Amino acid sequence: MAGRLGGIAPGTLDFHGQTATHATAAADTSAHEAMSGLMARWAAALPRFAEAGDRLQAAMHGAARAYAESDGAVAAAAEKGERRS
């Protein structure tokens, strides 16, 4: 899951770039103002969305590391207990 989240930030930035290119096609049409407003909102929201994806990915990696360390500690303690028996 964390690996899949790693694609969010680059994916949203790529999508924004592609959309911005197509938005220029609305120049000198009645849709220009609507497209400009939409692109302004996208420009404000997408970086936040990408940042949230990056933070969530980092948190999931941290949680996975902590889980692996805990699991290793439990296994080591169990192994020590078996040797004493």
PDB file of N, CA and C in Angstrom:
ATOM      1  N   MET A   1       0.834  -1.192   0.000  1.00  0.00           N
ATOM      2  CA  MET A   1       0.000   0.000   0.000  1.00  0.00           C
ATOM      3  C   MET A   1       0.870   1.244   0.000  1.00  0.00           C
ATOM      4  N   ALA A   2       1.900   1.259   0.850  1.00  0.00           N
ATOM      5  CA  ALA A   2       2.781   2.422   0.901  1.00  0.00           C
ATOM      6  C   ALA A   2       3.463   2.636  -0.446  1.00  0.00           C
ATOM      7  N   GLY A   3       3.810   1.548  -1.116  1.00  0.00           N
ATOM      8  CA  GLY A   3       4.429   1.668  -2.434  1.00  0.00           C
ATOM      9  C   GLY A   3       3.491   2.296  -3.448  1.00  0.00           C
ATOM     10  N   ARG A   4       2.238   1.906  -3.393  1.00  0.00           N
ATOM     11  CA  ARG A   4       1.253   2.487  -4.316  1.00  0.00           C
ATOM     12  C   ARG A   4       1.044   3.962  -4.028  1.00  0.00           C
ATOM     13  N   LEU A   5       1.083   4.344  -2.753  1.00  0.00           N
ATOM     14  CA  LEU A   5       0.921   5.749  -2.400  1.00  0.00           C
ATOM     15  C   LEU A   5       2.068   6.599  -2.936  1.00  0.00           C
ATOM     16  N   GLY A   6       3.235   5.982  -3.095  1.00  0.00           N
ATOM     17  CA  GLY A   6       4.386   6.716  -3.608  1.00  0.00           C
ATOM     18  C   GLY A   6       4.154   7.275  -4.995  1.00  0.00           C
ATOM     19  N   GLY A   7       3.213   6.709  -5.728  1.00  0.00           N
ATOM     20  CA  GLY A   7       2.909   7.205  -7.064  1.00  0.00           C
ATOM     21  C   GLY A   7       1.927   8.351  -7.091  1.00  0.00           C
ATOM     22  N   ILE A   8       1.333   8.688  -5.957  1.00  0.00           N
ATOM     23  CA  ILE A   8       0.321   9.747  -5.938  1.00  0.00           C
ATOM     24  C   ILE A   8       0.929  11.102  -6.273  1.00  0.00           C
ATOM     25  N   ALA A   9       1.979  11.480  -5.566  1.00  0.00           N
ATOM     26  CA  ALA A   9       2.544  12.815  -5.772  1.00  0.00           C
ATOM     27  C   ALA A   9       3.009  13.015  -7.206  1.00  0.00           C
ATOM     28  N   PRO A  10       3.846  12.137  -7.750  1.00  0.00           N
ATOM     29  CA  PRO A  10       4.254  12.338  -9.141  1.00  0.00           C
ATOM     30  C   PRO A  10       3.075  12.263 -10.109  1.00  0.00           C
ATOM     31  N   GLY A  11       2.136  11.369  -9.825  1.00  0.00           N
ATOM     32  CA  GLY A  11       0.979  11.232 -10.702  1.00  0.00           C
ATOM     33  C   GLY A  11       0.115  12.475 -10.746  1.00  0.00           C
ATOM     34  N   THR A  12      -0.111  13.096  -9.588  1.00  0.00           N
ATOM     35  CA  THR A  12      -0.941  14.300  -9.568  1.00  0.00           C
ATOM     36  C   THR A  12      -0.230  15.458 -10.252  1.00  0.00           C
ATOM     37  N   LEU A  13       1.076  15.542 -10.067  1.00  0.00           N
ATOM     38  CA  LEU A  13       1.815  16.619 -10.729  1.00  0.00           C
ATOM     39  C   LEU A  13       1.803  16.427 -12.245  1.00  0.00           C
ATOM     40  N   ASP A  14       1.944  15.197 -12.707  1.00  0.00           N
ATOM     41  CA  ASP A  14       1.870  14.921 -14.152  1.00  0.00           C
ATOM     42  C   ASP A  14       0.493  15.268 -14.691  1.00  0.00           C
ATOM     43  N   PHE A  15      -0.539  14.855 -13.953  1.00  0.00           N
ATOM     44  CA  PHE A  15      -1.901  15.136 -14.383  1.00  0.00           C
ATOM     45  C   PHE A  15      -2.139  16.646 -14.468  1.00  0.00           C
ATOM     46  N   HIS A  16      -1.645  17.379 -13.489  1.00  0.00           N
ATOM     47  CA  HIS A  16      -1.814  18.833 -13.499  1.00  0.00           C
ATOM     48  C   HIS A  16      -1.153  19.435 -14.724  1.00  0.00           C
ATOM     49  N   GLY A  17       0.039  18.982 -15.046  1.00  0.00           N
ATOM     50  CA  GLY A  17       0.732  19.494 -16.222  1.00  0.00           C
ATOM     51  C   GLY A  17      -0.028  19.211 -17.503  1.00  0.00           C
ATOM     52  N   GLN A  18      -0.574  18.013 -17.623  1.00  0.00           N
ATOM     53  CA  GLN A  18      -1.346  17.659 -18.812  1.00  0.00           C
ATOM     54  C   GLN A  18      -2.615  18.486 -18.914  1.00  0.00           C
ATOM     55  N   THR A  19      -3.287  18.671 -17.787  1.00  0.00           N
ATOM     56  CA  THR A  19      -4.531  19.435 -17.780  1.00  0.00           C
ATOM     57  C   THR A  19      -4.267  20.892 -18.113  1.00  0.00           C
ATOM     58  N   ALA A  20      -3.187  21.439 -17.583  1.00  0.00           N
ATOM     59  CA  ALA A  20      -2.852  22.836 -17.861  1.00  0.00           C
ATOM     60  C   ALA A  20      -2.617  23.050 -19.347  1.00  0.00           C
ATOM     61  N   THR A  21      -2.000  22.097 -19.986  1.00  0.00           N
ATOM     62  CA  THR A  21      -1.757  22.206 -21.428  1.00  0.00           C
ATOM     63  C   THR A  21      -3.072  22.267 -22.187  1.00  0.00           C
ATOM     64  N   HIS A  22      -4.021  21.419 -21.819  1.00  0.00           N
ATOM     65  CA  HIS A  22      -5.315  21.401 -22.507  1.00  0.00           C
ATOM     66  C   HIS A  22      -6.158  22.630 -22.163  1.00  0.00           C
ATOM     67  N   ALA A  23      -5.950  23.207 -21.004  1.00  0.00           N
ATOM     68  CA  ALA A  23      -6.738  24.371 -20.599  1.00  0.00           C
ATOM     69  C   ALA A  23      -6.471  25.562 -21.503  1.00  0.00           C
ATOM     70  N   THR A  24      -5.276  25.640 -22.053  1.00  0.00           N
ATOM     71  CA  THR A  24      -4.976  26.773 -22.947  1.00  0.00           C
ATOM     72  C   THR A  24      -5.815  26.720 -24.214  1.00  0.00           C
ATOM     73  N   ALA A  25      -6.372  25.555 -24.526  1.00  0.00           N
ATOM     74  CA  ALA A  25      -7.233  25.440 -25.707  1.00  0.00           C
ATOM     75  C   ALA A  25      -8.525  26.238 -25.536  1.00  0.00           C
ATOM     76  N   ALA A  26      -8.873  26.567 -24.302  1.00  0.00           N
ATOM     77  CA  ALA A  26     -10.106  27.322 -24.053  1.00  0.00           C
ATOM     78  C   ALA A  26      -9.917  28.824 -24.230  1.00  0.00           C
ATOM     79  N   ALA A  27      -8.706  29.258 -24.489  1.00  0.00           N
ATOM     80  CA  ALA A  27      -8.453  30.699 -24.651  1.00  0.00           C
ATOM     81  C   ALA A  27      -9.355  31.256 -25.741  1.00  0.00           C
ATOM     82  N   ASP A  28      -9.838  32.463 -25.505  1.00  0.00           N
ATOM     83  CA  ASP A  28     -10.708  33.176 -26.452  1.00  0.00           C
ATOM     84  C   ASP A  28     -12.034  32.457 -26.705  1.00  0.00           C
ATOM     85  N   THR A  29     -12.490  31.681 -25.723  1.00  0.00           N
ATOM     86  CA  THR A  29     -13.813  31.058 -25.822  1.00  0.00           C
ATOM     87  C   THR A  29     -14.594  31.409 -24.565  1.00  0.00           C
ATOM     88  N   SER A  30     -15.866  31.081 -24.568  1.00  0.00           N
ATOM     89  CA  SER A  30     -16.687  31.363 -23.377  1.00  0.00           C
ATOM     90  C   SER A  30     -16.288  30.470 -22.206  1.00  0.00           C
ATOM     91  N   ALA A  31     -15.581  29.395 -22.463  1.00  0.00           N
ATOM     92  CA  ALA A  31     -15.155  28.494 -21.400  1.00  0.00           C
ATOM     93  C   ALA A  31     -13.861  28.945 -20.730  1.00  0.00           C
ATOM     94  N   HIS A  32     -13.232  29.964 -21.265  1.00  0.00           N
ATOM     95  CA  HIS A  32     -11.917  30.381 -20.760  1.00  0.00           C
ATOM     96  C   HIS A  32     -11.950  30.728 -19.267  1.00  0.00           C
ATOM     97  N   GLU A  33     -12.929  31.532 -18.860  1.00  0.00           N
ATOM     98  CA  GLU A  33     -13.001  31.930 -17.449  1.00  0.00           C
ATOM     99  C   GLU A  33     -13.227  30.726 -16.549  1.00  0.00           C
ATOM    100  N   ALA A  34     -14.101  29.826 -16.958  1.00  0.00           N
ATOM    101  CA  ALA A  34     -14.367  28.623 -16.157  1.00  0.00           C
ATOM    102  C   ALA A  34     -13.117  27.749 -16.079  1.00  0.00           C
ATOM    103  N   MET A  35     -12.436  27.579 -17.191  1.00  0.00           N
ATOM    104  CA  MET A  35     -11.224  26.759 -17.194  1.00  0.00           C
ATOM    105  C   MET A  35     -10.128  27.411 -16.358  1.00  0.00           C
ATOM    106  N   SER A  36     -10.015  28.724 -16.425  1.00  0.00           N
ATOM    107  CA  SER A  36      -9.006  29.424 -15.617  1.00  0.00           C
ATOM    108  C   SER A  36      -9.282  29.242 -14.137  1.00  0.00           C
ATOM    109  N   GLY A  37     -10.549  29.348 -13.745  1.00  0.00           N
ATOM    110  CA  GLY A  37     -10.917  29.143 -12.347  1.00  0.00           C
ATOM    111  C   GLY A  37     -10.647  27.717 -11.899  1.00  0.00           C
ATOM    112  N   LEU A  38     -10.998  26.764 -12.757  1.00  0.00           N
ATOM    113  CA  LEU A  38     -10.754  25.362 -12.437  1.00  0.00           C
ATOM    114  C   LEU A  38      -9.258  25.101 -12.268  1.00  0.00           C
ATOM    115  N   MET A  39      -8.456  25.620 -13.168  1.00  0.00           N
ATOM    116  CA  MET A  39      -7.015  25.399 -13.095  1.00  0.00           C
ATOM    117  C   MET A  39      -6.415  26.067 -11.858  1.00  0.00           C
ATOM    118  N   ALA A  40      -6.940  27.206 -11.477  1.00  0.00           N
ATOM    119  CA  ALA A  40      -6.449  27.864 -10.258  1.00  0.00           C
ATOM    120  C   ALA A  40      -6.742  27.006  -9.036  1.00  0.00           C
ATOM    121  N   ARG A  41      -7.948  26.435  -8.993  1.00  0.00           N
ATOM    122  CA  ARG A  41      -8.283  25.558  -7.865  1.00  0.00           C
ATOM    123  C   ARG A  41      -7.438  24.283  -7.885  1.00  0.00           C
ATOM    124  N   TRP A  42      -7.234  23.718  -9.073  1.00  0.00           N
ATOM    125  CA  TRP A  42      -6.368  22.541  -9.189  1.00  0.00           C
ATOM    126  C   TRP A  42      -4.966  22.869  -8.714  1.00  0.00           C
ATOM    127  N   ALA A  43      -4.455  24.014  -9.158  1.00  0.00           N
ATOM    128  CA  ALA A  43      -3.079  24.396  -8.800  1.00  0.00           C
ATOM    129  C   ALA A  43      -2.924  24.533  -7.290  1.00  0.00           C
ATOM    130  N   ALA A  44      -3.977  24.971  -6.613  1.00  0.00           N
ATOM    131  CA  ALA A  44      -3.916  25.112  -5.155  1.00  0.00           C
ATOM    132  C   ALA A  44      -4.090  23.770  -4.446  1.00  0.00           C
ATOM    133  N   ALA A  45      -4.950  22.902  -4.985  1.00  0.00           N
ATOM    134  CA  ALA A  45      -5.286  21.654  -4.292  1.00  0.00           C
ATOM    135  C   ALA A  45      -4.310  20.518  -4.558  1.00  0.00           C
ATOM    136  N   LEU A  46      -3.842  20.376  -5.777  1.00  0.00           N
ATOM    137  CA  LEU A  46      -3.016  19.213  -6.107  1.00  0.00           C
ATOM    138  C   LEU A  46      -1.722  19.134  -5.303  1.00  0.00           C
ATOM    139  N   PRO A  47      -1.001  20.223  -5.105  1.00  0.00           N
ATOM    140  CA  PRO A  47       0.207  20.090  -4.281  1.00  0.00           C
ATOM    141  C   PRO A  47      -0.104  19.627  -2.855  1.00  0.00           C
ATOM    142  N   ARG A  48      -1.220  20.070  -2.300  1.00  0.00           N
ATOM    143  CA  ARG A  48      -1.606  19.624  -0.953  1.00  0.00           C
ATOM    144  C   ARG A  48      -1.946  18.136  -0.960  1.00  0.00           C
ATOM    145  N   PHE A  49      -2.645  17.703  -1.983  1.00  0.00           N
ATOM    146  CA  PHE A  49      -2.996  16.297  -2.106  1.00  0.00           C
ATOM    147  C   PHE A  49      -1.727  15.452  -2.236  1.00  0.00           C
ATOM    148  N   ALA A  50      -0.806  15.899  -3.058  1.00  0.00           N
ATOM    149  CA  ALA A  50       0.457  15.174  -3.239  1.00  0.00           C
ATOM    150  C   ALA A  50       1.245  15.134  -1.934  1.00  0.00           C
ATOM    151  N   GLU A  51       1.271  16.241  -1.224  1.00  0.00           N
ATOM    152  CA  GLU A  51       1.985  16.298   0.066  1.00  0.00           C
ATOM    153  C   GLU A  51       1.351  15.344   1.074  1.00  0.00           C
ATOM    154  N   ALA A  52       0.029  15.304   1.101  1.00  0.00           N
ATOM    155  CA  ALA A  52      -0.658  14.388   2.015  1.00  0.00           C
ATOM    156  C   ALA A  52      -0.330  12.934   1.662  1.00  0.00           C
ATOM    157  N   GLY A  53      -0.267  12.630   0.371  1.00  0.00           N
ATOM    158  CA  GLY A  53       0.110  11.282  -0.050  1.00  0.00           C
ATOM    159  C   GLY A  53       1.523  10.934   0.380  1.00  0.00           C
ATOM    160  N   ASP A  54       2.435  11.889   0.243  1.00  0.00           N
ATOM    161  CA  ASP A  54       3.823  11.662   0.675  1.00  0.00           C
ATOM    162  C   ASP A  54       3.895  11.407   2.178  1.00  0.00           C
ATOM    163  N   ARG A  55       3.153  12.207   2.954  1.00  0.00           N
ATOM    164  CA  ARG A  55       3.175  12.030   4.414  1.00  0.00           C
ATOM    165  C   ARG A  55       2.548  10.710   4.831  1.00  0.00           C
ATOM    166  N   LEU A  56       1.464  10.337   4.165  1.00  0.00           N
ATOM    167  CA  LEU A  56       0.823   9.062   4.487  1.00  0.00           C
ATOM    168  C   LEU A  56       1.754   7.905   4.140  1.00  0.00           C
ATOM    169  N   GLN A  57       2.429   7.992   3.012  1.00  0.00           N
ATOM    170  CA  GLN A  57       3.371   6.943   2.639  1.00  0.00           C
ATOM    171  C   GLN A  57       4.486   6.835   3.678  1.00  0.00           C
ATOM    172  N   ALA A  58       5.034   7.969   4.107  1.00  0.00           N
ATOM    173  CA  ALA A  58       6.100   7.948   5.117  1.00  0.00           C
ATOM    174  C   ALA A  58       5.592   7.351   6.429  1.00  0.00           C
ATOM    175  N   ALA A  59       4.376   7.694   6.820  1.00  0.00           N
ATOM    176  CA  ALA A  59       3.810   7.151   8.058  1.00  0.00           C
ATOM    177  C   ALA A  59       3.622   5.643   7.952  1.00  0.00           C
ATOM    178  N   MET A  60       3.186   5.180   6.797  1.00  0.00           N
ATOM    179  CA  MET A  60       2.993   3.735   6.626  1.00  0.00           C
ATOM    180  C   MET A  60       4.326   3.004   6.637  1.00  0.00           C
ATOM    181  N   HIS A  61       5.350   3.590   6.031  1.00  0.00           N
ATOM    182  CA  HIS A  61       6.673   2.970   6.086  1.00  0.00           C
ATOM    183  C   HIS A  61       7.177   2.927   7.527  1.00  0.00           C
ATOM    184  N   GLY A  62       6.968   4.007   8.283  1.00  0.00           N
ATOM    185  CA  GLY A  62       7.375   4.036   9.686  1.00  0.00           C
ATOM    186  C   GLY A  62       6.650   2.992  10.505  1.00  0.00           C
ATOM    187  N   ALA A  63       5.359   2.851  10.268  1.00  0.00           N
ATOM    188  CA  ALA A  63       4.576   1.847  10.997  1.00  0.00           C
ATOM    189  C   ALA A  63       5.043   0.439  10.634  1.00  0.00           C
ATOM    190  N   ALA A  64       5.348   0.212   9.377  1.00  0.00           N
ATOM    191  CA  ALA A  64       5.824  -1.109   8.965  1.00  0.00           C
ATOM    192  C   ALA A  64       7.173  -1.426   9.606  1.00  0.00           C
ATOM    193  N   ARG A  65       8.051  -0.421   9.683  1.00  0.00           N
ATOM    194  CA  ARG A  65       9.353  -0.621  10.340  1.00  0.00           C
ATOM    195  C   ARG A  65       9.165  -0.967  11.810  1.00  0.00           C
ATOM    196  N   ALA A  66       8.291  -0.216  12.489  1.00  0.00           N
ATOM    197  CA  ALA A  66       8.041  -0.465  13.911  1.00  0.00           C
ATOM    198  C   ALA A  66       7.445  -1.852  14.114  1.00  0.00           C
ATOM    199  N   TYR A  67       6.547  -2.254  13.247  1.00  0.00           N
ATOM    200  CA  TYR A  67       5.952  -3.582  13.349  1.00  0.00           C
ATOM    201  C   TYR A  67       7.018  -4.655  13.173  1.00  0.00           C
ATOM    202  N   ALA A  68       7.874  -4.487  12.164  1.00  0.00           N
ATOM    203  CA  ALA A  68       8.928  -5.484  11.907  1.00  0.00           C
ATOM    204  C   ALA A  68       9.885  -5.581  13.092  1.00  0.00           C
ATOM    205  N   GLU A  69      10.235  -4.431  13.679  1.00  0.00           N
ATOM    206  CA  GLU A  69      11.123  -4.443  14.845  1.00  0.00           C
ATOM    207  C   GLU A  69      10.460  -5.130  16.032  1.00  0.00           C
ATOM    208  N   SER A  70       9.194  -4.840  16.257  1.00  0.00           N
ATOM    209  CA  SER A  70       8.459  -5.478  17.357  1.00  0.00           C
ATOM    210  C   SER A  70       8.345  -6.972  17.134  1.00  0.00           C
ATOM    211  N   ASP A  71       8.038  -7.348  15.913  1.00  0.00           N
ATOM    212  CA  ASP A  71       7.915  -8.766  15.583  1.00  0.00           C
ATOM    213  C   ASP A  71       9.253  -9.475  15.800  1.00  0.00           C
ATOM    214  N   GLY A  72      10.334  -8.832  15.406  1.00  0.00           N
ATOM    215  CA  GLY A  72      11.659  -9.401  15.613  1.00  0.00           C
ATOM    216  C   GLY A  72      11.991  -9.538  17.083  1.00  0.00           C
ATOM    217  N   ALA A  73      11.617  -8.543  17.878  1.00  0.00           N
ATOM    218  CA  ALA A  73      11.882  -8.592  19.322  1.00  0.00           C
ATOM    219  C   ALA A  73      11.091  -9.710  19.990  1.00  0.00           C
ATOM    220  N   VAL A  74       9.854  -9.897  19.579  1.00  0.00           N
ATOM    221  CA  VAL A  74       9.027 -10.971  20.141  1.00  0.00           C
ATOM    222  C   VAL A  74       9.621 -12.325  19.759  1.00  0.00           C
ATOM    223  N   ALA A  75      10.034 -12.470  18.511  1.00  0.00           N
ATOM    224  CA  ALA A  75      10.626 -13.735  18.065  1.00  0.00           C
ATOM    225  C   ALA A  75      11.918 -14.017  18.823  1.00  0.00           C
ATOM    226  N   ALA A  76      12.746 -12.998  19.032  1.00  0.00           N
ATOM    227  CA  ALA A  76      14.003 -13.184  19.766  1.00  0.00           C
ATOM    228  C   ALA A  76      13.724 -13.576  21.217  1.00  0.00           C
ATOM    229  N   ALA A  77      12.751 -12.929  21.844  1.00  0.00           N
ATOM    230  CA  ALA A  77      12.413 -13.252  23.229  1.00  0.00           C
ATOM    231  C   ALA A  77      11.873 -14.679  23.336  1.00  0.00           C
ATOM    232  N   ALA A  78      11.056 -15.073  22.370  1.00  0.00           N
ATOM    233  CA  ALA A  78      10.509 -16.438  22.379  1.00  0.00           C
ATOM    234  C   ALA A  78      11.626 -17.453  22.204  1.00  0.00           C
ATOM    235  N   GLU A  79      12.570 -17.146  21.345  1.00  0.00           N
ATOM    236  CA  GLU A  79      13.687 -18.062  21.118  1.00  0.00           C
ATOM    237  C   GLU A  79      14.545 -18.203  22.378  1.00  0.00           C
ATOM    238  N   LYS A  80      14.772 -17.112  23.073  1.00  0.00           N
ATOM    239  CA  LYS A  80      15.541 -17.163  24.326  1.00  0.00           C
ATOM    240  C   LYS A  80      14.807 -17.994  25.367  1.00  0.00           C
ATOM    241  N   GLY A  81      13.491 -17.826  25.414  1.00  0.00           N
ATOM    242  CA  GLY A  81      12.684 -18.593  26.375  1.00  0.00           C
ATOM    243  C   GLY A  81      12.724 -20.080  26.087  1.00  0.00           C
ATOM    244  N   GLU A  82      12.737 -20.457  24.824  1.00  0.00           N
ATOM    245  CA  GLU A  82      12.790 -21.874  24.448  1.00  0.00           C
ATOM    246  C   GLU A  82      14.149 -22.475  24.827  1.00  0.00           C
ATOM    247  N   ARG A  83      15.209 -21.715  24.712  1.00  0.00           N
ATOM    248  CA  ARG A  83      16.540 -22.219  25.060  1.00  0.00           C
ATOM    249  C   ARG A  83      16.662 -22.487  26.554  1.00  0.00           C
ATOM    250  N   ARG A  84      15.980 -21.704  27.367  1.00  0.00           N
ATOM    251  CA  ARG A  84      16.067 -21.870  28.834  1.00  0.00           C
ATOM    252  C   ARG A  84      15.265 -23.077  29.314  1.00  0.00           C
ATOM    253  N   SER A  85      14.302 -23.493  28.546  1.00  0.00           N
ATOM    254  CA  SER A  85      13.429 -24.602  28.958  1.00  0.00           C
ATOM    255  C   SER A  85      14.123 -25.931  28.923  1.00  0.00           C
TER     256      SER A  85
END
